[in-house]
Amino acid sequence: MENSSRFFENTDCEYYPCHKGIDHINCLFCYCPMYNKENCPGNPSFKNNNGKLIKICTDCTFPHRPENYYRIMDFLKNSN
């Protein structure tokens, strides 16, 4: 894929590839803009830490898949 306003792959990053099982990683959302959203469309897991749920996104590749760009933008527009 070519870099654009919807996709950016930084193969020179010291952490690349940060996820396994994905051919082209969209680095545009390196820090997930949905992290603070409880019901994001990704596949996070949760850990109970003294009664508080902690969101764990280590195995989630949703924001890094190029085909999810518009789904992320729609989700962010429609979430509070």
N, C-alpha and C. Protein backbone atom coordinates (compact mmCIF):
# COMPACT_ATOMS: atom_id res chain seq x y z
N MET A 1 0.84 -1.18 0.00
CA MET A 1 0.00 0.00 0.00
C MET A 1 0.89 1.24 0.00
N GLU A 2 0.38 2.30 -0.60
CA GLU A 2 1.11 3.56 -0.62
C GLU A 2 0.73 4.41 0.59
N ASN A 3 1.70 5.15 1.11
CA ASN A 3 1.40 6.08 2.19
C ASN A 3 0.45 7.15 1.67
N SER A 4 -0.51 7.53 2.51
CA SER A 4 -1.50 8.54 2.14
C SER A 4 -2.05 9.17 3.42
N SER A 5 -3.11 9.96 3.29
CA SER A 5 -3.73 10.56 4.48
C SER A 5 -4.48 9.52 5.30
N ARG A 6 -4.70 8.33 4.75
CA ARG A 6 -5.42 7.26 5.46
C ARG A 6 -4.53 6.10 5.85
N PHE A 7 -3.28 6.11 5.40
CA PHE A 7 -2.39 4.99 5.67
C PHE A 7 -0.95 5.47 5.71
N PHE A 8 -0.23 5.00 6.72
CA PHE A 8 1.19 5.31 6.83
C PHE A 8 1.88 4.11 7.49
N GLU A 9 2.86 3.54 6.82
CA GLU A 9 3.59 2.40 7.36
C GLU A 9 5.05 2.80 7.56
N ASN A 10 5.49 2.78 8.80
CA ASN A 10 6.85 3.18 9.13
C ASN A 10 7.71 1.95 9.42
N THR A 11 8.25 1.37 8.37
CA THR A 11 9.06 0.16 8.53
C THR A 11 10.41 0.46 9.17
N ASP A 12 10.77 1.73 9.31
CA ASP A 12 12.02 2.12 9.96
C ASP A 12 11.88 2.26 11.48
N CYS A 13 10.67 2.16 11.98
CA CYS A 13 10.43 2.30 13.41
C CYS A 13 11.14 1.17 14.16
N GLU A 14 11.72 1.49 15.30
CA GLU A 14 12.44 0.48 16.07
C GLU A 14 11.50 -0.60 16.62
N TYR A 15 10.19 -0.34 16.66
CA TYR A 15 9.23 -1.32 17.17
C TYR A 15 8.52 -2.10 16.05
N TYR A 16 8.80 -1.75 14.82
CA TYR A 16 8.14 -2.40 13.68
C TYR A 16 8.72 -3.80 13.47
N PRO A 17 7.93 -4.80 13.29
CA PRO A 17 6.47 -4.80 13.38
C PRO A 17 6.02 -4.95 14.83
N CYS A 18 5.08 -4.14 15.23
CA CYS A 18 4.61 -4.15 16.61
C CYS A 18 3.54 -5.21 16.85
N HIS A 19 2.96 -5.73 15.78
CA HIS A 19 1.94 -6.78 15.88
C HIS A 19 2.26 -7.88 14.88
N LYS A 20 1.96 -9.09 15.26
CA LYS A 20 2.15 -10.23 14.36
C LYS A 20 0.84 -10.58 13.68
N GLY A 21 0.93 -11.24 12.52
CA GLY A 21 -0.27 -11.69 11.83
C GLY A 21 -0.94 -10.64 10.96
N ILE A 22 -0.23 -9.60 10.63
CA ILE A 22 -0.78 -8.55 9.78
C ILE A 22 0.30 -8.16 8.77
N ASP A 23 -0.06 -8.13 7.50
CA ASP A 23 0.93 -7.88 6.44
C ASP A 23 1.36 -6.42 6.35
N HIS A 24 0.40 -5.50 6.36
CA HIS A 24 0.69 -4.07 6.26
C HIS A 24 0.12 -3.38 7.48
N ILE A 25 0.98 -2.85 8.31
CA ILE A 25 0.56 -2.20 9.56
C ILE A 25 0.38 -0.71 9.31
N ASN A 26 -0.83 -0.23 9.59
CA ASN A 26 -1.10 1.19 9.46
C ASN A 26 -0.62 1.88 10.73
N CYS A 27 0.49 2.58 10.64
CA CYS A 27 1.09 3.25 11.78
C CYS A 27 0.42 4.59 12.09
N LEU A 28 -0.53 5.00 11.26
CA LEU A 28 -1.24 6.25 11.48
C LEU A 28 -1.87 6.27 12.87
N PHE A 29 -2.36 5.11 13.32
CA PHE A 29 -2.96 5.01 14.64
C PHE A 29 -2.05 4.24 15.59
N CYS A 30 -0.79 4.60 15.60
CA CYS A 30 0.18 3.93 16.48
C CYS A 30 -0.35 3.97 17.91
N TYR A 31 -0.77 5.12 18.36
CA TYR A 31 -1.49 5.22 19.63
C TYR A 31 -2.97 5.18 19.27
N CYS A 32 -3.66 4.19 19.73
CA CYS A 32 -5.06 3.98 19.34
C CYS A 32 -5.96 5.11 19.83
N PRO A 33 -6.68 5.78 18.92
CA PRO A 33 -7.58 6.86 19.32
C PRO A 33 -8.84 6.34 20.01
N MET A 34 -9.00 5.03 20.07
CA MET A 34 -10.18 4.44 20.72
C MET A 34 -9.85 3.84 22.08
N TYR A 35 -8.62 4.01 22.53
CA TYR A 35 -8.20 3.38 23.78
C TYR A 35 -9.11 3.76 24.95
N ASN A 36 -9.50 5.02 25.03
CA ASN A 36 -10.32 5.45 26.16
C ASN A 36 -11.81 5.17 25.96
N LYS A 37 -12.18 4.53 24.88
CA LYS A 37 -13.57 4.18 24.61
C LYS A 37 -13.84 2.76 25.11
N GLU A 38 -14.86 2.61 25.93
CA GLU A 38 -15.15 1.31 26.53
C GLU A 38 -15.58 0.26 25.51
N ASN A 39 -16.40 0.64 24.56
CA ASN A 39 -16.94 -0.31 23.59
C ASN A 39 -16.36 -0.10 22.21
N CYS A 40 -15.05 -0.12 22.10
CA CYS A 40 -14.42 0.07 20.80
C CYS A 40 -14.65 -1.16 19.92
N PRO A 41 -14.54 -1.01 18.61
CA PRO A 41 -14.77 -2.13 17.70
C PRO A 41 -13.59 -3.10 17.60
N GLY A 42 -12.52 -2.85 18.32
CA GLY A 42 -11.37 -3.75 18.32
C GLY A 42 -11.63 -4.97 19.19
N ASN A 43 -10.57 -5.66 19.56
CA ASN A 43 -10.72 -6.86 20.38
C ASN A 43 -9.82 -6.81 21.61
N PRO A 44 -10.04 -5.81 22.48
CA PRO A 44 -9.21 -5.74 23.68
C PRO A 44 -9.62 -6.81 24.70
N SER A 45 -8.75 -7.04 25.63
CA SER A 45 -9.11 -7.86 26.79
C SER A 45 -9.06 -6.93 27.99
N PHE A 46 -9.56 -7.40 29.11
CA PHE A 46 -9.60 -6.58 30.31
C PHE A 46 -9.03 -7.35 31.49
N LYS A 47 -8.33 -6.63 32.34
CA LYS A 47 -7.73 -7.22 33.52
C LYS A 47 -8.28 -6.49 34.74
N ASN A 48 -8.67 -7.25 35.74
CA ASN A 48 -9.14 -6.65 36.97
C ASN A 48 -7.94 -6.36 37.86
N ASN A 49 -7.81 -5.10 38.23
CA ASN A 49 -6.71 -4.67 39.09
C ASN A 49 -7.30 -3.96 40.30
N ASN A 50 -7.46 -4.70 41.39
CA ASN A 50 -8.04 -4.15 42.63
C ASN A 50 -9.40 -3.52 42.39
N GLY A 51 -10.26 -4.21 41.64
CA GLY A 51 -11.62 -3.74 41.39
C GLY A 51 -11.75 -2.78 40.22
N LYS A 52 -10.67 -2.42 39.61
CA LYS A 52 -10.71 -1.52 38.45
C LYS A 52 -10.32 -2.31 37.21
N LEU A 53 -11.13 -2.20 36.14
CA LEU A 53 -10.82 -2.89 34.90
C LEU A 53 -9.80 -2.10 34.09
N ILE A 54 -8.75 -2.77 33.68
CA ILE A 54 -7.70 -2.17 32.86
C ILE A 54 -7.83 -2.75 31.45
N LYS A 55 -7.89 -1.89 30.46
CA LYS A 55 -8.02 -2.32 29.07
C LYS A 55 -6.65 -2.74 28.54
N ILE A 56 -6.58 -3.94 27.99
CA ILE A 56 -5.34 -4.48 27.44
C ILE A 56 -5.51 -4.63 25.93
N CYS A 57 -4.72 -3.90 25.15
CA CYS A 57 -4.87 -3.88 23.70
C CYS A 57 -3.68 -4.52 22.97
N THR A 58 -2.86 -5.21 23.69
CA THR A 58 -1.63 -5.77 23.13
C THR A 58 -1.87 -6.62 21.90
N ASP A 59 -2.92 -7.44 21.91
CA ASP A 59 -3.18 -8.35 20.79
C ASP A 59 -4.18 -7.79 19.77
N CYS A 60 -4.58 -6.55 19.92
CA CYS A 60 -5.56 -5.95 19.01
C CYS A 60 -4.85 -5.33 17.80
N THR A 61 -5.26 -5.73 16.61
CA THR A 61 -4.68 -5.15 15.39
C THR A 61 -5.70 -4.29 14.63
N PHE A 62 -6.88 -4.12 15.19
CA PHE A 62 -7.95 -3.39 14.50
C PHE A 62 -7.51 -2.02 13.97
N PRO A 63 -6.91 -1.14 14.79
CA PRO A 63 -6.55 0.19 14.26
C PRO A 63 -5.38 0.16 13.29
N HIS A 64 -4.68 -0.96 13.20
CA HIS A 64 -3.51 -1.05 12.33
C HIS A 64 -3.83 -1.70 10.98
N ARG A 65 -5.05 -2.14 10.80
CA ARG A 65 -5.47 -2.74 9.53
C ARG A 65 -5.97 -1.62 8.61
N PRO A 66 -5.35 -1.46 7.44
CA PRO A 66 -5.71 -0.36 6.54
C PRO A 66 -7.19 -0.29 6.20
N GLU A 67 -7.85 -1.41 6.09
CA GLU A 67 -9.27 -1.41 5.70
C GLU A 67 -10.19 -0.88 6.79
N ASN A 68 -9.68 -0.64 8.01
CA ASN A 68 -10.52 -0.16 9.11
C ASN A 68 -10.49 1.35 9.30
N TYR A 69 -9.79 2.08 8.45
CA TYR A 69 -9.68 3.53 8.62
C TYR A 69 -11.05 4.19 8.74
N TYR A 70 -11.94 3.93 7.79
CA TYR A 70 -13.25 4.59 7.81
C TYR A 70 -14.12 4.11 8.96
N ARG A 71 -13.99 2.88 9.37
CA ARG A 71 -14.73 2.39 10.54
C ARG A 71 -14.27 3.11 11.80
N ILE A 72 -12.99 3.37 11.91
CA ILE A 72 -12.47 4.10 13.06
C ILE A 72 -12.99 5.53 13.05
N MET A 73 -12.92 6.18 11.90
CA MET A 73 -13.39 7.57 11.81
C MET A 73 -14.88 7.67 12.13
N ASP A 74 -15.69 6.75 11.61
CA ASP A 74 -17.13 6.74 11.92
C ASP A 74 -17.37 6.50 13.40
N PHE A 75 -16.63 5.56 13.98
CA PHE A 75 -16.77 5.27 15.41
C PHE A 75 -16.46 6.52 16.24
N LEU A 76 -15.39 7.21 15.92
CA LEU A 76 -15.00 8.38 16.68
C LEU A 76 -16.00 9.52 16.52
N LYS A 77 -16.55 9.67 15.32
CA LYS A 77 -17.56 10.71 15.09
C LYS A 77 -18.84 10.44 15.87
N ASN A 78 -19.19 9.17 16.04
CA ASN A 78 -20.46 8.81 16.65
C ASN A 78 -20.37 8.44 18.14
N SER A 79 -19.17 8.49 18.71
CA SER A 79 -19.04 8.14 20.13
C SER A 79 -18.95 9.40 20.97
N ASN A 80 -19.29 9.27 22.19
CA ASN A 80 -19.24 10.43 23.10
C ASN A 80 -17.98 10.43 23.89
